[in-house]
Structures are given as structure tokens and as C-alpha cells.
Amino acid sequence: MSLEEKLRADLHQALKSGDKVRRSTIRLVLAEIKNTEIAQGAPLDDNGVLGALAKEASRHKESIEAFQKGGRQDLVTIEEAELAVIQGYLPKSMSSEELEAHVRKVVQEMGASGPRDKSKVMPRLISELKGRADGRAINEVVTKLLGG
């Protein structure tokens, strides 16, 4: 069963059980998947679906930060509940040590040696670590290792 099929089955289950948070969150993710498919002009594979999930998770994290700064705890609670649902579909996040080890391995494999090689390394890392590490965290580690 593909990840998108699992999302659709879980949506059906959430509709039956009356789980409003799960239902609305899965609908939001499925809409993001559909919009991405339309933009690309092709159906997404599981890796593409993971990318859409990661994008939604990132949006929710940013919203949580903004609502906390604005003192809107009611909205923070809602966003955190939705984020928990999304994270249930994402692979386990990498620890900073695991991330750094993976980046080191890729940098070594590609023979990257300085800041100018960052543009070669980043696309590969982002595609390999989709859903498991945040793009900003990857960028920070690459910058640290390659300098610049």
C-alpha cells in the first residue's frame, strides 16, 4: 500500500470514528499532494508524498512559533495536534549526530571540499533525507563542514 493510499484509508477511518483533527489534517495533506501533482503534471510517488508531508510539517512548526510569539495558545494547541498527526506518517527524524554523520559520508563520496561545492551536495542530501531532516538543519551542517 502506497503512502497516499494509507492516507486515504486513514481519512476514511477518521470519518467513521468522528476524529475531527485527524480528518481535517489528512484532508489538508491530501490537498497539498493534489496541488503538487497538478504543478508537476504527474502523480507523486511515495518520496514525493513524503516531501508534501514534510512541507506541511514545516508549515505547522512555523505557525506554532508565530502563534507562540503572538500569545495565541489556543491556536498553538490546534497546530500541535495537527503536527502530531502529520509526524505519524513521516519517518523517524534523524538526531543531529546521525545527520552530521550522513552529511560527512555524502560530502566524502562526492569529493566536496569547500563552500563552492555546497550546491552539488545539497540537492542530493535534501532528496535522500526528505522527511527525516529539516532543510535548514541540513544546510547548517553542510555549511559547518564545508565552511562558508
Foldseek 3Di string as FASTA:
>chain_A
DFLLVVLVVVLVVCVVVVVVLSNVLSVVLVVLQVVVCVVVVHHDGNLSSLLSLLVLLVVLVVVLVVCVVVVNVVVNVSSVSSSVSSLVSFPAADDLVRLLVVLVVQCVVVVQAAPVCCVVSLVVSCSVCRRRYDSVSNVVSNCVRRPD
